[in-house]
Protein backbone atom coordinates (compact mmCIF):
# COMPACT_ATOMS: atom_id res chain seq x y z
CA UNK A 1 0.00 0.00 0.00
CA UNK A 2 1.35 3.42 -0.91
CA UNK A 3 2.44 5.81 1.80
CA UNK A 4 -0.01 8.62 2.62
CA UNK A 5 0.53 12.04 1.05
CA UNK A 6 2.94 14.36 2.79
CA UNK A 7 1.62 16.77 5.38
CA UNK A 8 2.83 20.34 5.87
CA UNK A 9 3.63 21.39 9.41
CA UNK A 10 4.82 24.56 11.07
CA UNK A 11 8.58 24.74 11.29
CA UNK A 12 9.69 23.80 14.75
CA UNK A 13 6.62 21.71 15.62
CA UNK A 14 8.64 18.58 15.03
CA UNK A 15 12.41 18.22 15.16
CA UNK A 16 13.12 16.02 12.19
CA UNK A 17 11.32 13.70 9.87
CA UNK A 18 8.80 11.25 11.24
CA UNK A 19 6.90 8.68 9.19
CA UNK A 20 3.51 7.05 9.30
CA UNK A 21 3.62 3.35 8.44
CA UNK A 22 1.07 2.45 5.79
CA UNK A 23 -0.44 -0.19 8.06
CA UNK A 24 -0.45 -1.19 11.70
CA UNK A 25 -0.88 -4.80 12.66
CA UNK A 26 -2.75 -7.36 10.60
CA UNK A 27 -4.67 -5.87 7.70
CA UNK A 28 -5.07 -2.47 9.31
CA UNK A 29 -5.84 0.58 7.14
CA UNK A 30 -3.65 3.72 7.35
CA UNK A 31 -3.65 5.32 10.75
CA UNK A 32 -6.56 7.61 11.31
CA UNK A 33 -6.88 10.30 13.89
CA UNK A 34 -9.63 11.60 16.10
CA UNK A 35 -12.18 13.91 14.54
CA UNK A 36 -10.85 17.18 15.88
CA UNK A 37 -7.13 16.43 15.52
CA UNK A 38 -7.70 15.00 12.06
CA UNK A 39 -9.52 18.16 11.02
CA UNK A 40 -6.65 20.29 12.33
CA UNK A 41 -4.15 18.27 10.27
CA UNK A 42 -6.30 18.62 7.14
CA UNK A 43 -6.64 22.36 7.76
CA UNK A 44 -2.87 22.79 8.08
CA UNK A 45 -2.34 20.92 4.82
CA UNK A 46 -5.05 22.96 3.11
CA UNK A 47 -3.68 26.36 4.14
CA UNK A 48 -0.11 25.25 3.34
CA UNK A 49 -0.88 24.99 -0.38
CA UNK A 50 0.68 27.77 -2.48
CA UNK A 51 -2.75 29.17 -3.30
CA UNK A 52 -4.14 28.64 0.19
CA UNK A 53 -7.91 28.23 0.42
CA UNK A 54 -11.06 30.32 0.53
CA UNK A 55 -13.68 29.93 3.25
CA UNK A 56 -15.94 28.11 0.78
CA UNK A 57 -13.16 25.71 -0.22
CA UNK A 58 -12.36 25.13 3.44
CA UNK A 59 -15.99 24.32 4.22
CA UNK A 60 -15.97 21.67 1.50
CA UNK A 61 -12.58 20.19 2.39
CA UNK A 62 -13.11 20.15 6.16
CA UNK A 63 -16.77 19.11 5.87
CA UNK A 64 -18.10 21.78 8.19
CA UNK A 65 -20.04 25.02 8.16
CA UNK A 66 -18.71 28.59 7.78
CA UNK A 67 -18.70 29.27 11.53
CA UNK A 68 -16.64 26.14 12.18
CA UNK A 69 -14.08 27.22 9.58
CA UNK A 70 -13.64 30.58 11.31
CA UNK A 71 -13.28 28.77 14.65
CA UNK A 72 -10.60 26.58 13.06
CA UNK A 73 -8.74 29.67 11.83
CA UNK A 74 -8.85 31.11 15.35
CA UNK A 75 -7.64 27.83 16.83
CA UNK A 76 -4.69 27.54 14.45
CA UNK A 77 -3.68 31.13 15.09
CA UNK A 78 -3.85 30.56 18.83
CA UNK A 79 -1.61 27.52 18.34
CA UNK A 80 0.99 29.80 16.76
CA UNK A 81 0.36 29.29 13.05
CA UNK A 82 0.86 32.69 11.29
CA UNK A 83 -2.16 32.48 9.02
CA UNK A 84 -2.96 35.48 6.88
CA UNK A 85 -5.51 36.36 4.22
CA UNK A 86 -5.03 38.04 0.88
CA UNK A 87 -7.29 39.14 -1.94
CA UNK A 88 -7.50 36.79 -4.91
CA UNK A 89 -7.06 38.39 -8.37
CA UNK A 90 -9.61 35.97 -9.84
CA UNK A 91 -12.23 36.11 -7.12
CA UNK A 92 -13.79 38.46 -4.60
CA UNK A 93 -13.18 35.92 -1.87
CA UNK A 94 -10.08 36.17 0.27
CA UNK A 95 -7.68 33.23 0.40
CA UNK A 96 -6.18 32.05 3.68
CA UNK A 97 -2.66 30.64 3.70
CA UNK A 98 0.56 30.05 5.61
CA UNK A 99 3.77 31.86 4.58
CA UNK A 100 5.97 29.70 2.34
CA UNK A 101 9.06 30.33 4.46
CA UNK A 102 7.20 29.09 7.54
CA UNK A 103 6.07 25.76 6.11
CA UNK A 104 8.29 22.73 6.51
CA UNK A 105 7.41 19.82 4.24
CA UNK A 106 7.64 16.49 5.99
CA UNK A 107 7.46 13.26 3.97
CA UNK A 108 5.03 11.68 6.38
CA UNK A 109 4.28 11.08 10.04
CA UNK A 110 4.76 8.10 12.32
CA UNK A 111 3.37 6.96 15.62
CA UNK A 112 5.38 5.23 18.35
CA UNK A 113 4.80 1.53 18.90
CA UNK A 114 1.69 1.06 21.00
CA UNK A 115 2.23 -1.72 23.53
CA UNK A 116 -0.54 -1.61 26.11
CA UNK A 117 -0.40 -3.84 29.16
CA UNK A 118 -3.43 -5.69 30.47
CA UNK A 119 -3.87 -3.33 33.50
CA UNK A 120 -3.75 -0.33 31.12
CA UNK A 121 -6.45 -1.82 28.88
CA UNK A 122 -8.59 -2.60 31.91
CA UNK A 123 -8.18 0.95 33.24
CA UNK A 124 -9.21 2.49 29.91
CA UNK A 125 -12.40 0.44 29.70
CA UNK A 126 -13.18 1.03 33.37
CA UNK A 127 -12.95 4.81 32.88
CA UNK A 128 -14.97 4.55 29.65
CA UNK A 129 -17.74 2.92 31.67
CA UNK A 130 -17.88 5.88 34.04
CA UNK A 131 -18.42 8.69 31.49
CA UNK A 132 -22.16 8.23 31.08
CA UNK A 133 -22.57 12.01 31.11
CA UNK A 134 -21.45 12.04 27.45
CA UNK A 135 -23.80 9.27 26.32
CA UNK A 136 -25.30 9.87 22.89
CA UNK A 137 -22.86 12.65 21.97
CA UNK A 138 -20.03 12.78 19.43
CA UNK A 139 -17.62 12.64 22.37
CA UNK A 140 -18.99 9.26 23.42
CA UNK A 141 -18.88 7.95 19.86
CA UNK A 142 -15.30 9.18 19.44
CA UNK A 143 -14.26 7.39 22.64
CA UNK A 144 -15.86 4.16 21.39
CA UNK A 145 -14.04 4.47 18.07
CA UNK A 146 -10.74 5.11 19.84
CA UNK A 147 -11.14 2.01 22.01
CA UNK A 148 -12.11 -0.03 18.96
CA UNK A 149 -8.92 1.07 17.19
CA UNK A 150 -6.85 0.23 20.25
CA UNK A 151 -8.48 -3.19 20.26
CA UNK A 152 -7.08 -3.87 16.78
CA UNK A 153 -3.57 -3.36 18.12
CA UNK A 154 -3.93 -5.83 20.96
CA UNK A 155 -2.83 -9.47 20.82
CA UNK A 156 -5.49 -12.05 19.99
CA UNK A 157 -5.19 -13.43 23.53
CA UNK A 158 -6.71 -10.20 24.84
CA UNK A 159 -10.01 -10.65 23.00
CA UNK A 160 -11.64 -13.01 25.48
CA UNK A 161 -10.49 -10.98 28.48
CA UNK A 162 -11.63 -7.76 26.82
CA UNK A 163 -15.20 -9.00 26.41
CA UNK A 164 -15.19 -9.85 30.10
CA UNK A 165 -13.91 -6.36 30.98
CA UNK A 166 -16.75 -4.78 29.03
CA UNK A 167 -19.21 -6.86 31.05
CA UNK A 168 -17.55 -5.73 34.29
CA UNK A 169 -17.66 -2.02 33.41
CA UNK A 170 -21.33 -1.38 32.74
CA UNK A 171 -22.18 2.34 32.53
CA UNK A 172 -25.10 3.48 34.65
CA UNK A 173 -26.94 6.49 33.26
CA UNK A 174 -30.01 6.36 35.48
CA UNK A 175 -29.64 9.96 36.64
CA UNK A 176 -27.37 11.35 33.94
CA UNK A 177 -28.49 14.23 31.76
CA UNK A 178 -28.93 14.03 27.99
CA UNK A 179 -26.38 15.94 25.89
CA UNK A 180 -27.05 14.24 22.56
CA UNK A 181 -28.22 17.53 21.02
CA UNK A 182 -25.52 19.71 22.59
CA UNK A 183 -22.46 18.61 20.60
CA UNK A 184 -22.14 21.88 18.65
CA UNK A 185 -22.53 23.95 21.80
CA UNK A 186 -19.93 21.88 23.66
CA UNK A 187 -17.54 22.17 20.69
CA UNK A 188 -18.03 25.94 20.44
CA UNK A 189 -17.48 26.44 24.18
CA UNK A 190 -14.40 24.20 24.12
CA UNK A 191 -12.88 26.16 21.24
CA UNK A 192 -13.66 29.46 22.95
CA UNK A 193 -12.14 28.27 26.23
CA UNK A 194 -8.95 27.08 24.50
CA UNK A 195 -8.54 30.25 22.43
CA UNK A 196 -9.75 32.44 25.33
CA UNK A 197 -12.52 34.16 23.42
CA UNK A 198 -15.53 35.77 25.09
CA UNK A 199 -18.92 34.31 24.13
CA UNK A 200 -22.41 35.68 23.89
CA UNK A 201 -24.65 33.11 25.58
CA UNK A 202 -28.37 32.50 25.66
CA UNK A 203 -29.29 30.62 28.84
CA UNK A 204 -32.47 29.15 30.30
CA UNK A 205 -32.36 30.56 33.81
CA UNK A 206 -34.55 28.53 36.15
CA UNK A 207 -34.07 30.94 39.04
CA UNK A 208 -35.28 33.91 36.94
CA UNK A 209 -37.84 31.76 35.08
CA UNK A 210 -36.88 33.15 31.68
CA UNK A 211 -34.24 32.97 28.96
CA UNK A 212 -31.43 35.46 29.45
CA UNK A 213 -28.57 36.65 27.23
CA UNK A 214 -25.19 37.80 28.50
CA UNK A 215 -21.49 37.83 27.63
CA UNK A 216 -19.10 35.62 29.54
CA UNK A 217 -15.68 34.02 29.44
CA UNK A 218 -15.89 30.18 29.38
CA UNK A 219 -13.31 28.92 31.88
CA UNK A 220 -13.56 25.24 32.85
CA UNK A 221 -15.92 22.31 32.37
CA UNK A 222 -16.60 19.84 35.17
CA UNK A 223 -18.85 16.82 35.69
CA UNK A 224 -21.05 16.30 38.73
CA UNK A 225 -23.54 13.50 39.37
CA UNK A 226 -24.25 12.78 35.72
CA UNK A 227 -24.34 16.43 34.66
CA UNK A 228 -21.91 18.63 32.76
CA UNK A 229 -21.29 22.14 34.06
CA UNK A 230 -19.21 25.15 33.07
CA UNK A 231 -17.47 27.82 35.10
CA UNK A 232 -17.85 31.20 33.40
CA UNK A 233 -16.89 34.74 34.34
CA UNK A 234 -19.50 37.38 33.62
CA UNK A 235 -17.94 40.21 31.63
CA UNK A 236 -20.43 42.71 33.05
CA UNK A 237 -20.09 41.95 36.76
CA UNK A 238 -16.79 40.03 36.91
CA UNK A 239 -18.50 37.26 38.88
CA UNK A 240 -17.71 33.54 38.59
CA UNK A 241 -20.87 31.56 37.83
CA UNK A 242 -21.70 27.91 37.21
CA UNK A 243 -23.90 27.11 34.20
CA UNK A 244 -25.65 23.82 33.48
CA UNK A 245 -24.55 22.96 29.92
CA UNK A 246 -27.92 21.47 28.95
CA UNK A 247 -29.54 24.87 29.61
CA UNK A 248 -27.16 26.78 27.34
CA UNK A 249 -29.33 27.42 24.28
CA UNK A 250 -26.85 29.12 21.96
CA UNK A 251 -23.22 30.23 21.80
CA UNK A 252 -21.79 33.04 19.68
CA UNK A 253 -18.03 33.52 19.89
CA UNK A 254 -16.88 37.14 19.76
CA UNK A 255 -13.50 38.49 18.69
CA UNK A 256 -12.71 39.73 22.19
CA UNK A 257 -10.13 37.85 24.25
CA UNK A 258 -10.19 37.25 27.98
CA UNK A 259 -7.56 36.46 30.56
CA UNK A 260 -8.02 33.83 33.25
CA UNK A 261 -9.20 35.47 36.48
CA UNK A 262 -6.51 35.99 39.10
CA UNK A 263 -6.68 33.33 41.78
CA UNK A 264 -9.25 31.21 39.93
CA UNK A 265 -8.81 27.66 41.23
CA UNK A 266 -11.79 25.54 40.14
CA UNK A 267 -10.69 22.54 42.19
CA UNK A 268 -10.59 24.56 45.39
CA UNK A 269 -13.97 26.16 44.66
CA UNK A 270 -15.62 22.76 44.14
CA UNK A 271 -13.90 21.30 47.20
CA UNK A 272 -15.33 24.06 49.39
CA UNK A 273 -18.90 23.61 48.10
CA UNK A 274 -21.12 20.79 49.33
CA UNK A 275 -22.45 20.18 45.83
CA UNK A 276 -22.17 22.79 43.04
CA UNK A 277 -24.12 25.69 44.54
CA UNK A 278 -21.65 28.44 45.37
CA UNK A 279 -22.35 30.87 48.18
CA UNK A 280 -21.28 32.15 51.54
CA UNK A 281 -19.47 29.70 53.86
CA UNK A 282 -21.65 27.67 56.23
CA UNK A 283 -20.27 26.44 59.57
CA UNK A 284 -22.50 23.69 60.93
CA UNK A 285 -22.67 20.82 63.42
CA UNK A 286 -24.90 17.89 62.53
CA UNK A 287 -25.71 14.86 64.68
CA UNK A 288 -26.16 11.60 62.77
CA UNK A 289 -27.59 8.38 64.26
CA UNK A 290 -25.65 5.13 64.55
CA UNK A 291 -27.75 3.62 61.74
CA UNK A 292 -26.55 6.22 59.23
CA UNK A 293 -23.14 6.95 60.75
CA UNK A 294 -21.58 3.76 59.38
CA UNK A 295 -22.43 4.83 55.82
CA UNK A 296 -21.24 8.40 56.27
CA UNK A 297 -17.93 7.25 57.75
CA UNK A 298 -17.17 5.46 54.46
CA UNK A 299 -17.23 8.73 52.49
CA UNK A 300 -15.75 12.17 52.81
CA UNK A 301 -18.64 14.52 52.15
CA UNK A 302 -16.81 17.73 53.01
CA UNK A 303 -13.22 18.82 52.50
CA UNK A 304 -13.20 20.65 55.83
CA UNK A 305 -14.82 18.29 58.30
CA UNK A 306 -14.20 16.86 61.74
CA UNK A 307 -16.06 13.85 63.09
CA UNK A 308 -16.69 13.17 66.77
CA UNK A 309 -17.83 9.67 67.74
CA UNK A 310 -20.31 9.20 70.57
CA UNK A 311 -20.47 6.17 72.89
CA UNK A 312 -23.83 5.09 71.41
CA UNK A 313 -22.34 4.86 67.89
CA UNK A 314 -23.75 8.15 66.64
CA UNK A 315 -21.47 10.87 65.30
CA UNK A 316 -21.32 14.65 65.14
CA UNK A 317 -20.13 16.23 61.89
CA UNK A 318 -18.42 19.60 62.33
CA UNK A 319 -18.26 21.02 58.81
CA UNK A 320 -17.31 24.16 56.92
CA UNK A 321 -18.80 24.28 53.44
CA UNK A 322 -20.88 26.45 51.13
CA UNK A 323 -24.23 25.96 49.48
CA UNK A 324 -26.97 26.44 52.08
CA UNK A 325 -29.64 24.92 49.81
CA UNK A 326 -27.60 21.79 49.05
CA UNK A 327 -26.66 21.25 52.69
CA UNK A 328 -30.25 21.66 53.84
CA UNK A 329 -31.54 19.09 51.37
CA UNK A 330 -28.82 16.62 52.27
CA UNK A 331 -29.84 16.79 55.94
CA UNK A 332 -33.48 16.37 54.91
CA UNK A 333 -32.55 13.22 52.97
CA UNK A 334 -31.41 11.63 56.26
CA UNK A 335 -34.84 12.20 57.81
CA UNK A 336 -35.07 11.54 61.55
CA UNK A 337 -31.57 10.01 61.52
CA UNK A 338 -30.02 13.50 61.57
CA UNK A 339 -30.37 16.67 63.64
CA UNK A 340 -28.82 20.09 63.13
CA UNK A 341 -27.08 21.31 66.28
CA UNK A 342 -25.70 24.51 64.78
CA UNK A 343 -26.44 27.09 63.40
CA UNK A 344 -29.87 27.94 64.73
CA UNK A 345 -30.87 29.53 61.39
CA UNK A 346 -30.41 26.20 59.64
CA UNK A 347 -32.44 24.43 62.35
CA UNK A 348 -35.31 26.87 61.85
CA UNK A 349 -35.10 26.62 58.07
CA UNK A 350 -35.33 22.82 58.24
CA UNK A 351 -38.22 22.94 60.72
CA UNK A 352 -40.16 25.24 58.38
CA UNK A 353 -39.46 22.94 55.43
CA UNK A 354 -40.68 19.88 57.35
CA UNK A 355 -43.79 21.78 58.46
CA UNK A 356 -44.65 22.62 54.85
CA UNK A 357 -44.09 19.02 53.82
CA UNK A 358 -46.39 17.80 56.59
CA UNK A 359 -49.14 20.14 55.43
CA UNK A 360 -49.07 18.58 51.97
CA UNK A 361 -49.23 14.95 53.09
């Protein structure tokens, strides 16, 4: 089988010539890449041609719409490719290209030998079974394709074990949210976060009971209990907010850049919150019965917590967290097996909630 056509890469991206073998393993086709990386490679090759390419030609070659082509141009420029446009003497459309002196022609590419161990294969499939939040999306399908390709590189003796691993790692999506129709929005937000571009968002605000539009900087995605969320910084108020991705209705990337907020540490913010509701710190003491204490002792619910054990087997949780609403509903979920000792405001809030529940039963 003939070697694949040469690819053009920015000078300095690779030190020397690397080659792609025409096949890998028994009867394998030429190495393919993931959707996004493959599209980047094709875009680099396209814009490296002496004539470059118009937006229309790029749409056809990259198999995407006009907006996606402009996002690709932004992405490549953020990666350091000195793309420029120039007027075409034969057309009104501009042509995008890379400078000739910047392009280094490489004969082909190669990948290192892939020699996965059994524990590594098991770990990959175990993690794949835990990402139910992406079920039904292009991300999930891409992960399945990647694992399928890896499977072709494994020895035949792995096949039987691999089928057993798949049976052991069953994904549970009972409470996960559906993102099957949010692929374009996730892609747009990812591109904007990488290139640090401010977005104009339309969002279904449950708290305000209406759709709202505002500009924000997309900072970091995170997953929580089967849902995908996004930290953003409001450009108007400079506040860090958490958005539920399924309620983002549209994304329009602007040309304005943003810088990461000083001191923004998403891990620390999430560690300090009981769930994902951000708010003022809450210092509380909660008594938990012996019946529930043994379950609670198996988990660490709060980053800042101290546990006192009582002679009767009950415990007292001394916690410092944030998210009054989330904390209140967690205590309610324990029913009569829990009692708030401090603060008094939380005790009264819970008592009022229970009273309202009793009136409706």
